[in-house]
């Protein structure tokens, strides 16, 4: 996708605060000095068997981009691809009800949508939010000396692959669903309070992919302490059993030339850090003391957050240590 976008010539405009050039989570359009609109869209194929739960996950995943920019959501529009020959309207109603559940939990309104006929069902939302430009979080905002905070554990891609293959233990599936339906609203609030300027949500490109792009755009190198990175219980065993999505392997290949891995970090650990997530957490940079306070605050509100690494001025290198 990056190669495709490089062929385009985006139209510059002084009010387009964030466009496609830095690979950020959403577009941001300035209305005035204190207000800007955030626009994003995302949709996914089913990741769990229950239709309403899938809808909830997909909508939570879509609105996450608003929080990754430091904003709050206002309005969502459903995006649906549906196999009308094989899937019932009642099932579609369950999916949309799950989306409404997520909207209610995140405080925004669903105001319609669009549906197309497609052999492979897909669901998500286009979402509009708002942000104060002075508090906006972006891919370019990591700073020399920042400590990195991750707000949710990894392993979703491995677990959802195991679910599709009928190999996932129920407690592991339940933990993954709980993580995927957890809003990033509180994480964004805490990041802003910590003085963060750089943040992204960890989704399809995995932690290494999303953080690697941030490092490049922010002109920093990142050192990760792999033993401190939270991973959902059971994901490691499932990965050992081979339930690794193809997207995770592609993610790793994409960052391999900028990756420096210590000899005591296992290949499987590296692959889990590239695991393709759905509705993952935020990763943001803050002053080390503020990062410690942010982790404490997030843990008190039910987030499995951790400080996972540090930033230094550089060229986008990702160093992995134990």
C-alpha atoms as a PDB file:
ATOM      1  CA  UNK A   1       0.000   0.000   0.000  1.00  0.00           C
ATOM      2  CA  UNK A   2       2.857   2.403   0.779  1.00  0.00           C
ATOM      3  CA  UNK A   3       4.184   1.935  -2.762  1.00  0.00           C
ATOM      4  CA  UNK A   4       0.738   2.722  -4.197  1.00  0.00           C
ATOM      5  CA  UNK A   5       0.369   5.916  -2.149  1.00  0.00           C
ATOM      6  CA  UNK A   6       3.785   7.126  -3.299  1.00  0.00           C
ATOM      7  CA  UNK A   7       2.437   7.243  -6.855  1.00  0.00           C
ATOM      8  CA  UNK A   8      -0.278   9.712  -5.870  1.00  0.00           C
ATOM      9  CA  UNK A   9       0.105  13.473  -5.757  1.00  0.00           C
ATOM     10  CA  UNK A  10      -1.906  14.762  -2.775  1.00  0.00           C
ATOM     11  CA  UNK A  11      -3.187  18.308  -3.060  1.00  0.00           C
ATOM     12  CA  UNK A  12      -1.539  20.520  -0.428  1.00  0.00           C
ATOM     13  CA  UNK A  13      -3.729  22.815   1.651  1.00  0.00           C
ATOM     14  CA  UNK A  14      -2.859  24.904   4.710  1.00  0.00           C
ATOM     15  CA  UNK A  15      -5.820  23.491   6.652  1.00  0.00           C
ATOM     16  CA  UNK A  16      -4.908  19.849   5.965  1.00  0.00           C
ATOM     17  CA  UNK A  17      -2.915  19.313   9.150  1.00  0.00           C
ATOM     18  CA  UNK A  18      -2.412  15.577   8.584  1.00  0.00           C
ATOM     19  CA  UNK A  19      -2.684  13.904   5.186  1.00  0.00           C
ATOM     20  CA  UNK A  20      -1.331  10.724   3.598  1.00  0.00           C
ATOM     21  CA  UNK A  21       2.376  11.561   3.492  1.00  0.00           C
ATOM     22  CA  UNK A  22       3.348  10.416   7.002  1.00  0.00           C
ATOM     23  CA  UNK A  23       1.262   7.222   7.094  1.00  0.00           C
ATOM     24  CA  UNK A  24      -0.776   8.480  10.031  1.00  0.00           C
ATOM     25  CA  UNK A  25      -3.951   6.927  11.432  1.00  0.00           C
ATOM     26  CA  UNK A  26      -6.420   9.516  10.106  1.00  0.00           C
ATOM     27  CA  UNK A  27      -6.726  12.773   8.209  1.00  0.00           C
ATOM     28  CA  UNK A  28      -7.033  16.018  10.178  1.00  0.00           C
ATOM     29  CA  UNK A  29      -8.651  19.195   8.802  1.00  0.00           C
ATOM     30  CA  UNK A  30      -8.349  22.483  10.702  1.00  0.00           C
ATOM     31  CA  UNK A  31     -11.569  24.441  11.288  1.00  0.00           C
ATOM     32  CA  UNK A  32      -9.996  27.190  13.395  1.00  0.00           C
ATOM     33  CA  UNK A  33      -7.157  27.655  15.869  1.00  0.00           C
ATOM     34  CA  UNK A  34      -8.747  25.445  18.526  1.00  0.00           C
ATOM     35  CA  UNK A  35     -10.760  22.911  16.508  1.00  0.00           C
ATOM     36  CA  UNK A  36      -9.995  20.362  13.822  1.00  0.00           C
ATOM     37  CA  UNK A  37     -11.927  17.472  12.312  1.00  0.00           C
ATOM     38  CA  UNK A  38     -10.496  13.943  12.237  1.00  0.00           C
ATOM     39  CA  UNK A  39     -11.665  11.631   9.445  1.00  0.00           C
ATOM     40  CA  UNK A  40     -10.987   7.915   9.174  1.00  0.00           C
ATOM     41  CA  UNK A  41     -12.454   4.693   7.777  1.00  0.00           C
ATOM     42  CA  UNK A  42     -11.756   1.034   8.502  1.00  0.00           C
ATOM     43  CA  UNK A  43     -13.466  -2.314   8.018  1.00  0.00           C
ATOM     44  CA  UNK A  44     -12.516  -5.931   8.664  1.00  0.00           C
ATOM     45  CA  UNK A  45     -13.556  -9.471   7.851  1.00  0.00           C
ATOM     46  CA  UNK A  46     -14.995 -11.612  10.688  1.00  0.00           C
ATOM     47  CA  UNK A  47     -12.515 -12.385  13.467  1.00  0.00           C
ATOM     48  CA  UNK A  48     -14.892 -14.260  15.797  1.00  0.00           C
ATOM     49  CA  UNK A  49     -17.930 -16.468  15.225  1.00  0.00           C
ATOM     50  CA  UNK A  50     -20.572 -14.398  17.035  1.00  0.00           C
ATOM     51  CA  UNK A  51     -21.975 -11.724  14.685  1.00  0.00           C
ATOM     52  CA  UNK A  52     -22.769  -9.106  17.316  1.00  0.00           C
ATOM     53  CA  UNK A  53     -19.350  -9.475  18.915  1.00  0.00           C
ATOM     54  CA  UNK A  54     -17.703  -9.099  15.506  1.00  0.00           C
ATOM     55  CA  UNK A  55     -19.689  -5.900  14.927  1.00  0.00           C
ATOM     56  CA  UNK A  56     -18.608  -4.533  18.296  1.00  0.00           C
ATOM     57  CA  UNK A  57     -14.956  -5.356  17.578  1.00  0.00           C
ATOM     58  CA  UNK A  58     -15.050  -3.887  14.069  1.00  0.00           C
ATOM     59  CA  UNK A  59     -16.571  -0.602  15.209  1.00  0.00           C
ATOM     60  CA  UNK A  60     -14.168  -0.343  18.165  1.00  0.00           C
ATOM     61  CA  UNK A  61     -11.331  -0.930  15.703  1.00  0.00           C
ATOM     62  CA  UNK A  62     -12.643   1.806  13.390  1.00  0.00           C
ATOM     63  CA  UNK A  63     -13.018   4.479  16.076  1.00  0.00           C
ATOM     64  CA  UNK A  64      -9.571   3.694  17.482  1.00  0.00           C
ATOM     65  CA  UNK A  65      -7.967   5.889  14.808  1.00  0.00           C
ATOM     66  CA  UNK A  66      -9.744   8.913  16.291  1.00  0.00           C
ATOM     67  CA  UNK A  67      -8.219   8.201  19.694  1.00  0.00           C
ATOM     68  CA  UNK A  68      -4.807   7.573  18.133  1.00  0.00           C
ATOM     69  CA  UNK A  69      -4.885  11.209  16.963  1.00  0.00           C
ATOM     70  CA  UNK A  70      -5.805  12.429  20.450  1.00  0.00           C
ATOM     71  CA  UNK A  71      -9.398  13.218  19.526  1.00  0.00           C
ATOM     72  CA  UNK A  72     -12.943  12.262  20.438  1.00  0.00           C
ATOM     73  CA  UNK A  73     -15.445  10.695  18.027  1.00  0.00           C
ATOM     74  CA  UNK A  74     -18.615  12.469  16.955  1.00  0.00           C
ATOM     75  CA  UNK A  75     -20.294  10.528  14.154  1.00  0.00           C
ATOM     76  CA  UNK A  76     -19.997   7.151  12.458  1.00  0.00           C
ATOM     77  CA  UNK A  77     -21.296   5.765   9.143  1.00  0.00           C
ATOM     78  CA  UNK A  78     -21.598   1.992   8.729  1.00  0.00           C
ATOM     79  CA  UNK A  79     -19.605   0.342   5.907  1.00  0.00           C
ATOM     80  CA  UNK A  80     -20.942  -3.114   5.021  1.00  0.00           C
ATOM     81  CA  UNK A  81     -20.055  -5.773   2.447  1.00  0.00           C
ATOM     82  CA  UNK A  82     -22.592  -8.612   2.704  1.00  0.00           C
ATOM     83  CA  UNK A  83     -23.188 -11.927   0.973  1.00  0.00           C
ATOM     84  CA  UNK A  84     -26.940 -11.590   0.473  1.00  0.00           C
ATOM     85  CA  UNK A  85     -27.269 -15.057  -1.119  1.00  0.00           C
ATOM     86  CA  UNK A  86     -25.830 -16.946   1.854  1.00  0.00           C
ATOM     87  CA  UNK A  87     -26.213 -14.675   4.893  1.00  0.00           C
ATOM     88  CA  UNK A  88     -29.499 -13.518   6.390  1.00  0.00           C
ATOM     89  CA  UNK A  89     -30.646  -9.985   7.106  1.00  0.00           C
ATOM     90  CA  UNK A  90     -31.156 -11.052  10.719  1.00  0.00           C
ATOM     91  CA  UNK A  91     -27.444 -11.854  10.975  1.00  0.00           C
ATOM     92  CA  UNK A  92     -26.610  -8.480   9.454  1.00  0.00           C
ATOM     93  CA  UNK A  93     -28.836  -6.883  12.065  1.00  0.00           C
ATOM     94  CA  UNK A  94     -26.740  -8.561  14.755  1.00  0.00           C
ATOM     95  CA  UNK A  95     -23.552  -7.151  13.237  1.00  0.00           C
ATOM     96  CA  UNK A  96     -24.997  -3.631  13.122  1.00  0.00           C
ATOM     97  CA  UNK A  97     -26.255  -3.996  16.685  1.00  0.00           C
ATOM     98  CA  UNK A  98     -22.691  -4.765  17.730  1.00  0.00           C
ATOM     99  CA  UNK A  99     -21.566  -1.596  15.984  1.00  0.00           C
ATOM    100  CA  UNK A 100     -24.211   0.348  17.897  1.00  0.00           C
ATOM    101  CA  UNK A 101     -22.946  -1.197  21.129  1.00  0.00           C
ATOM    102  CA  UNK A 102     -19.475   0.154  20.384  1.00  0.00           C
ATOM    103  CA  UNK A 103     -20.838   3.585  19.440  1.00  0.00           C
ATOM    104  CA  UNK A 104     -22.761   3.807  22.716  1.00  0.00           C
ATOM    105  CA  UNK A 105     -19.688   2.742  24.688  1.00  0.00           C
ATOM    106  CA  UNK A 106     -17.536   5.356  22.941  1.00  0.00           C
ATOM    107  CA  UNK A 107     -20.052   8.198  22.987  1.00  0.00           C
ATOM    108  CA  UNK A 108     -20.696   8.776  19.299  1.00  0.00           C
ATOM    109  CA  UNK A 109     -23.723   8.529  17.005  1.00  0.00           C
ATOM    110  CA  UNK A 110     -24.218   6.133  14.091  1.00  0.00           C
ATOM    111  CA  UNK A 111     -26.038   8.099  11.394  1.00  0.00           C
ATOM    112  CA  UNK A 112     -26.512   5.666   8.505  1.00  0.00           C
ATOM    113  CA  UNK A 113     -24.245   3.778   6.168  1.00  0.00           C
ATOM    114  CA  UNK A 114     -23.755   1.992   2.864  1.00  0.00           C
ATOM    115  CA  UNK A 115     -23.948  -1.687   1.871  1.00  0.00           C
ATOM    116  CA  UNK A 116     -22.606  -3.577  -1.137  1.00  0.00           C
ATOM    117  CA  UNK A 117     -23.035  -7.215  -2.164  1.00  0.00           C
ATOM    118  CA  UNK A 118     -19.797  -9.168  -1.643  1.00  0.00           C
ATOM    119  CA  UNK A 119     -19.010 -12.890  -1.308  1.00  0.00           C
ATOM    120  CA  UNK A 120     -16.768 -12.103   1.703  1.00  0.00           C
ATOM    121  CA  UNK A 121     -18.560 -10.213   4.504  1.00  0.00           C
ATOM    122  CA  UNK A 122     -16.847  -7.109   5.833  1.00  0.00           C
ATOM    123  CA  UNK A 123     -17.902  -4.512   8.360  1.00  0.00           C
ATOM    124  CA  UNK A 124     -16.555  -1.292   9.796  1.00  0.00           C
ATOM    125  CA  UNK A 125     -17.201   2.424   9.899  1.00  0.00           C
ATOM    126  CA  UNK A 126     -16.186   5.785   8.580  1.00  0.00           C
ATOM    127  CA  UNK A 127     -15.841   7.989  11.657  1.00  0.00           C
ATOM    128  CA  UNK A 128     -15.603  11.753  12.153  1.00  0.00           C
ATOM    129  CA  UNK A 129     -14.075  13.175  15.319  1.00  0.00           C
ATOM    130  CA  UNK A 130     -12.647  16.409  16.636  1.00  0.00           C
ATOM    131  CA  UNK A 131      -9.376  17.454  18.240  1.00  0.00           C
ATOM    132  CA  UNK A 132      -7.643  20.572  19.509  1.00  0.00           C
ATOM    133  CA  UNK A 133      -4.683  20.954  17.096  1.00  0.00           C
ATOM    134  CA  UNK A 134      -2.446  21.865  20.031  1.00  0.00           C
ATOM    135  CA  UNK A 135      -3.131  18.478  21.652  1.00  0.00           C
ATOM    136  CA  UNK A 136      -3.051  16.364  18.497  1.00  0.00           C
ATOM    137  CA  UNK A 137      -1.093  13.089  18.516  1.00  0.00           C
ATOM    138  CA  UNK A 138       0.693  12.087  15.306  1.00  0.00           C
ATOM    139  CA  UNK A 139       3.174   9.655  13.766  1.00  0.00           C
ATOM    140  CA  UNK A 140       5.810  12.401  13.730  1.00  0.00           C
ATOM    141  CA  UNK A 141       5.688  13.277  17.429  1.00  0.00           C
ATOM    142  CA  UNK A 142       8.105  10.871  19.140  1.00  0.00           C
ATOM    143  CA  UNK A 143      11.005  12.696  20.796  1.00  0.00           C
ATOM    144  CA  UNK A 144      14.552  11.946  21.915  1.00  0.00           C
ATOM    145  CA  UNK A 145      14.310  10.642  25.478  1.00  0.00           C
ATOM    146  CA  UNK A 146      10.700   9.507  25.303  1.00  0.00           C
ATOM    147  CA  UNK A 147       9.701   6.322  27.085  1.00  0.00           C
ATOM    148  CA  UNK A 148       7.252   4.200  25.076  1.00  0.00           C
ATOM    149  CA  UNK A 149       3.959   3.063  26.594  1.00  0.00           C
ATOM    150  CA  UNK A 150       1.848   0.234  25.125  1.00  0.00           C
ATOM    151  CA  UNK A 151      -1.734   0.166  26.403  1.00  0.00           C
ATOM    152  CA  UNK A 152      -2.933  -3.328  25.360  1.00  0.00           C
ATOM    153  CA  UNK A 153      -1.227  -6.722  25.057  1.00  0.00           C
ATOM    154  CA  UNK A 154      -0.261  -8.269  21.721  1.00  0.00           C
ATOM    155  CA  UNK A 155      -1.243 -11.645  20.247  1.00  0.00           C
ATOM    156  CA  UNK A 156      -4.614 -10.912  18.662  1.00  0.00           C
ATOM    157  CA  UNK A 157      -3.602 -12.057  15.165  1.00  0.00           C
ATOM    158  CA  UNK A 158      -2.318 -15.393  16.433  1.00  0.00           C
ATOM    159  CA  UNK A 159      -5.443 -15.939  18.528  1.00  0.00           C
ATOM    160  CA  UNK A 160      -7.986 -15.012  15.839  1.00  0.00           C
ATOM    161  CA  UNK A 161      -6.180 -17.340  13.432  1.00  0.00           C
ATOM    162  CA  UNK A 162      -6.515 -20.111  16.021  1.00  0.00           C
ATOM    163  CA  UNK A 163     -10.224 -19.287  16.409  1.00  0.00           C
ATOM    164  CA  UNK A 164     -10.745 -19.690  12.655  1.00  0.00           C
ATOM    165  CA  UNK A 165      -8.953 -23.067  12.773  1.00  0.00           C
ATOM    166  CA  UNK A 166     -10.949 -24.273  15.796  1.00  0.00           C
ATOM    167  CA  UNK A 167      -7.779 -24.482  17.898  1.00  0.00           C
ATOM    168  CA  UNK A 168      -8.297 -21.695  20.438  1.00  0.00           C
ATOM    169  CA  UNK A 169      -9.065 -22.508  24.093  1.00  0.00           C
ATOM    170  CA  UNK A 170     -12.144 -20.644  25.344  1.00  0.00           C
ATOM    171  CA  UNK A 171     -10.309 -18.617  28.045  1.00  0.00           C
ATOM    172  CA  UNK A 172      -7.799 -17.374  25.467  1.00  0.00           C
ATOM    173  CA  UNK A 173     -10.585 -16.411  23.051  1.00  0.00           C
ATOM    174  CA  UNK A 174     -12.417 -14.603  25.848  1.00  0.00           C
ATOM    175  CA  UNK A 175      -9.274 -12.644  26.743  1.00  0.00           C
ATOM    176  CA  UNK A 176      -8.794 -11.632  23.111  1.00  0.00           C
ATOM    177  CA  UNK A 177     -12.419 -10.503  22.761  1.00  0.00           C
ATOM    178  CA  UNK A 178     -12.144  -8.479  25.961  1.00  0.00           C
ATOM    179  CA  UNK A 179      -9.042  -6.758  24.584  1.00  0.00           C
ATOM    180  CA  UNK A 180     -10.537  -6.087  21.142  1.00  0.00           C
ATOM    181  CA  UNK A 181     -13.718  -4.555  22.581  1.00  0.00           C
ATOM    182  CA  UNK A 182     -11.844  -2.366  25.085  1.00  0.00           C
ATOM    183  CA  UNK A 183     -12.005   1.263  23.995  1.00  0.00           C
ATOM    184  CA  UNK A 184      -8.853   3.348  23.517  1.00  0.00           C
ATOM    185  CA  UNK A 185     -10.646   6.445  24.824  1.00  0.00           C
ATOM    186  CA  UNK A 186      -9.004   6.315  28.264  1.00  0.00           C
ATOM    187  CA  UNK A 187      -5.621   5.512  26.714  1.00  0.00           C
ATOM    188  CA  UNK A 188      -5.820   8.661  24.570  1.00  0.00           C
ATOM    189  CA  UNK A 189      -6.860  10.766  27.561  1.00  0.00           C
ATOM    190  CA  UNK A 190      -3.943   9.459  29.619  1.00  0.00           C
ATOM    191  CA  UNK A 191      -1.470   9.958  26.741  1.00  0.00           C
ATOM    192  CA  UNK A 192      -2.465  13.614  26.385  1.00  0.00           C
ATOM    193  CA  UNK A 193      -2.261  14.158  30.157  1.00  0.00           C
ATOM    194  CA  UNK A 194       1.274  12.666  30.040  1.00  0.00           C
ATOM    195  CA  UNK A 195       2.318  15.288  27.489  1.00  0.00           C
ATOM    196  CA  UNK A 196       2.557  12.860  24.578  1.00  0.00           C
ATOM    197  CA  UNK A 197       2.910  14.234  21.061  1.00  0.00           C
ATOM    198  CA  UNK A 198       3.547  10.970  19.194  1.00  0.00           C
ATOM    199  CA  UNK A 199       1.087   8.062  19.191  1.00  0.00           C
ATOM    200  CA  UNK A 200      -0.469   5.429  16.969  1.00  0.00           C
ATOM    201  CA  UNK A 201      -2.773   2.474  17.423  1.00  0.00           C
ATOM    202  CA  UNK A 202      -1.355  -1.004  16.902  1.00  0.00           C
ATOM    203  CA  UNK A 203      -3.437  -2.731  14.243  1.00  0.00           C
ATOM    204  CA  UNK A 204      -2.791  -4.547  10.971  1.00  0.00           C
ATOM    205  CA  UNK A 205       0.911  -3.754  10.612  1.00  0.00           C
ATOM    206  CA  UNK A 206       1.707  -4.993  14.111  1.00  0.00           C
ATOM    207  CA  UNK A 207       3.737  -3.238  16.790  1.00  0.00           C
ATOM    208  CA  UNK A 208       6.932  -3.316  14.718  1.00  0.00           C
ATOM    209  CA  UNK A 209       5.214  -2.006  11.597  1.00  0.00           C
ATOM    210  CA  UNK A 210       3.337   0.864  13.213  1.00  0.00           C
ATOM    211  CA  UNK A 211       6.106   1.833  15.621  1.00  0.00           C
ATOM    212  CA  UNK A 212       8.683   1.476  12.844  1.00  0.00           C
ATOM    213  CA  UNK A 213       6.811   4.014  10.702  1.00  0.00           C
ATOM    214  CA  UNK A 214       6.572   6.358  13.687  1.00  0.00           C
ATOM    215  CA  UNK A 215      10.313   6.051  14.290  1.00  0.00           C
ATOM    216  CA  UNK A 216      11.049   6.934  10.673  1.00  0.00           C
ATOM    217  CA  UNK A 217       8.682   9.907  10.604  1.00  0.00           C
ATOM    218  CA  UNK A 218       9.864  11.169  14.006  1.00  0.00           C
ATOM    219  CA  UNK A 219      13.587  10.752  13.193  1.00  0.00           C
ATOM    220  CA  UNK A 220      14.270   8.548  16.213  1.00  0.00           C
ATOM    221  CA  UNK A 221      15.644   5.089  16.886  1.00  0.00           C
ATOM    222  CA  UNK A 222      13.653   2.816  19.183  1.00  0.00           C
ATOM    223  CA  UNK A 223      15.002   0.271  21.672  1.00  0.00           C
ATOM    224  CA  UNK A 224      12.389  -2.245  22.857  1.00  0.00           C
ATOM    225  CA  UNK A 225      12.679  -4.407  25.978  1.00  0.00           C
ATOM    226  CA  UNK A 226      10.921  -7.503  24.662  1.00  0.00           C
ATOM    227  CA  UNK A 227      10.499  -9.056  28.115  1.00  0.00           C
ATOM    228  CA  UNK A 228       8.387  -6.046  29.145  1.00  0.00           C
ATOM    229  CA  UNK A 229       5.962  -6.198  26.218  1.00  0.00           C
ATOM    230  CA  UNK A 230       2.610  -7.670  27.334  1.00  0.00           C
ATOM    231  CA  UNK A 231       1.247 -10.601  25.325  1.00  0.00           C
ATOM    232  CA  UNK A 232      -2.125 -12.237  25.932  1.00  0.00           C
ATOM    233  CA  UNK A 233      -1.796 -15.446  27.933  1.00  0.00           C
ATOM    234  CA  UNK A 234      -1.908 -18.411  25.580  1.00  0.00           C
ATOM    235  CA  UNK A 235      -0.848 -16.531  22.446  1.00  0.00           C
ATOM    236  CA  UNK A 236       2.735 -17.738  22.677  1.00  0.00           C
ATOM    237  CA  UNK A 237       1.654 -21.394  22.858  1.00  0.00           C
ATOM    238  CA  UNK A 238      -0.678 -20.945  19.893  1.00  0.00           C
ATOM    239  CA  UNK A 239       2.120 -19.316  17.895  1.00  0.00           C
ATOM    240  CA  UNK A 240       4.360 -22.284  18.697  1.00  0.00           C
ATOM    241  CA  UNK A 241       1.579 -24.507  17.325  1.00  0.00           C
ATOM    242  CA  UNK A 242       1.693 -22.584  14.026  1.00  0.00           C
ATOM    243  CA  UNK A 243      -1.356 -20.287  14.177  1.00  0.00           C
ATOM    244  CA  UNK A 244       0.534 -17.305  12.775  1.00  0.00           C
ATOM    245  CA  UNK A 245      -1.300 -15.171  10.188  1.00  0.00           C
ATOM    246  CA  UNK A 246       0.396 -14.494   6.874  1.00  0.00           C
ATOM    247  CA  UNK A 247       0.074 -10.763   7.520  1.00  0.00           C
ATOM    248  CA  UNK A 248       2.348 -11.029  10.543  1.00  0.00           C
ATOM    249  CA  UNK A 249       5.094 -12.596   8.433  1.00  0.00           C
ATOM    250  CA  UNK A 250       4.716  -9.851   5.823  1.00  0.00           C
ATOM    251  CA  UNK A 251       4.901  -7.222   8.568  1.00  0.00           C
ATOM    252  CA  UNK A 252       8.190  -8.649   9.763  1.00  0.00           C
ATOM    253  CA  UNK A 253       9.625  -8.781   6.248  1.00  0.00           C
ATOM    254  CA  UNK A 254       8.688  -5.123   5.756  1.00  0.00           C
ATOM    255  CA  UNK A 255      10.771  -3.900   8.742  1.00  0.00           C
ATOM    256  CA  UNK A 256      13.557  -6.492   8.596  1.00  0.00           C
ATOM    257  CA  UNK A 257      16.135  -4.134   7.073  1.00  0.00           C
ATOM    258  CA  UNK A 258      15.773  -1.714  10.008  1.00  0.00           C
ATOM    259  CA  UNK A 259      15.647  -4.370  12.714  1.00  0.00           C
ATOM    260  CA  UNK A 260      18.523  -5.133  15.085  1.00  0.00           C
ATOM    261  CA  UNK A 261      17.814  -8.181  17.244  1.00  0.00           C
ATOM    262  CA  UNK A 262      19.880  -9.301  20.228  1.00  0.00           C
ATOM    263  CA  UNK A 263      21.012 -12.932  20.112  1.00  0.00           C
ATOM    264  CA  UNK A 264      18.932 -13.852  23.192  1.00  0.00           C
ATOM    265  CA  UNK A 265      15.657 -12.692  21.612  1.00  0.00           C
ATOM    266  CA  UNK A 266      13.896 -15.661  19.990  1.00  0.00           C
ATOM    267  CA  UNK A 267      12.594 -15.666  16.433  1.00  0.00           C
ATOM    268  CA  UNK A 268       9.106 -16.433  17.746  1.00  0.00           C
ATOM    269  CA  UNK A 269       9.190 -13.389  20.021  1.00  0.00           C
ATOM    270  CA  UNK A 270      10.166 -11.201  17.079  1.00  0.00           C
ATOM    271  CA  UNK A 271       7.284 -12.611  15.049  1.00  0.00           C
ATOM    272  CA  UNK A 272       4.818 -11.912  17.874  1.00  0.00           C
ATOM    273  CA  UNK A 273       5.952  -8.284  17.904  1.00  0.00           C
ATOM    274  CA  UNK A 274       5.015  -8.140  14.215  1.00  0.00           C
ATOM    275  CA  UNK A 275       1.691  -9.912  14.815  1.00  0.00           C
ATOM    276  CA  UNK A 276      -1.164  -8.299  12.874  1.00  0.00           C
ATOM    277  CA  UNK A 277      -3.571  -6.907  15.477  1.00  0.00           C
ATOM    278  CA  UNK A 278      -7.269  -6.079  15.326  1.00  0.00           C
ATOM    279  CA  UNK A 279      -8.426  -3.270  17.623  1.00  0.00           C
ATOM    280  CA  UNK A 280      -5.090  -3.134  19.396  1.00  0.00           C
ATOM    281  CA  UNK A 281      -3.947  -0.582  21.940  1.00  0.00           C
ATOM    282  CA  UNK A 282      -2.138   2.706  21.580  1.00  0.00           C
ATOM    283  CA  UNK A 283       1.630   3.109  21.706  1.00  0.00           C
ATOM    284  CA  UNK A 284       2.796   6.585  22.678  1.00  0.00           C
ATOM    285  CA  UNK A 285       5.917   8.394  23.842  1.00  0.00           C
ATOM    286  CA  UNK A 286       6.233  10.505  26.978  1.00  0.00           C
ATOM    287  CA  UNK A 287       8.800  11.770  29.458  1.00  0.00           C
ATOM    288  CA  UNK A 288       9.905   8.738  31.547  1.00  0.00           C
ATOM    289  CA  UNK A 289       8.339   9.982  34.795  1.00  0.00           C
ATOM    290  CA  UNK A 290       5.109  10.880  33.016  1.00  0.00           C
ATOM    291  CA  UNK A 291       5.132   7.478  31.311  1.00  0.00           C
ATOM    292  CA  UNK A 292       5.364   5.731  34.696  1.00  0.00           C
ATOM    293  CA  UNK A 293       2.400   7.728  35.966  1.00  0.00           C
ATOM    294  CA  UNK A 294       0.479   6.970  32.759  1.00  0.00           C
ATOM    295  CA  UNK A 295       1.013   3.221  33.158  1.00  0.00           C
ATOM    296  CA  UNK A 296      -0.153   3.359  36.777  1.00  0.00           C
ATOM    297  CA  UNK A 297      -3.274   5.263  35.750  1.00  0.00           C
ATOM    298  CA  UNK A 298      -4.059   2.880  32.906  1.00  0.00           C
ATOM    299  CA  UNK A 299      -3.568  -0.207  35.055  1.00  0.00           C
ATOM    300  CA  UNK A 300      -5.957   1.229  37.644  1.00  0.00           C
ATOM    301  CA  UNK A 301      -8.617   1.476  34.919  1.00  0.00           C
ATOM    302  CA  UNK A 302      -8.183  -2.108  33.708  1.00  0.00           C
ATOM    303  CA  UNK A 303      -5.583  -1.690  30.954  1.00  0.00           C
ATOM    304  CA  UNK A 304      -2.671  -4.124  30.691  1.00  0.00           C
ATOM    305  CA  UNK A 305      -0.272  -1.261  29.993  1.00  0.00           C
ATOM    306  CA  UNK A 306       3.517  -1.250  30.219  1.00  0.00           C
ATOM    307  CA  UNK A 307       6.595   0.791  29.412  1.00  0.00           C
ATOM    308  CA  UNK A 308       8.174  -1.180  26.585  1.00  0.00           C
ATOM    309  CA  UNK A 309      11.131   0.880  25.376  1.00  0.00           C
ATOM    310  CA  UNK A 310      12.840   4.195  24.753  1.00  0.00           C
ATOM    311  CA  UNK A 311      13.522   6.634  21.915  1.00  0.00           C
ATOM    312  CA  UNK A 312      16.759   8.331  20.914  1.00  0.00           C
ATOM    313  CA  UNK A 313      17.505  10.616  17.979  1.00  0.00           C
ATOM    314  CA  UNK A 314      18.164   8.535  14.889  1.00  0.00           C
ATOM    315  CA  UNK A 315      16.988   7.217  11.546  1.00  0.00           C
ATOM    316  CA  UNK A 316      14.206   4.747  12.352  1.00  0.00           C
ATOM    317  CA  UNK A 317      16.188   1.737  13.620  1.00  0.00           C
ATOM    318  CA  UNK A 318      14.297  -0.784  15.776  1.00  0.00           C
ATOM    319  CA  UNK A 319      16.524  -2.526  18.311  1.00  0.00           C
ATOM    320  CA  UNK A 320      15.125  -5.525  20.206  1.00  0.00           C
ATOM    321  CA  UNK A 321      16.632  -6.578  23.537  1.00  0.00           C
ATOM    322  CA  UNK A 322      15.360  -8.890  26.258  1.00  0.00           C
END
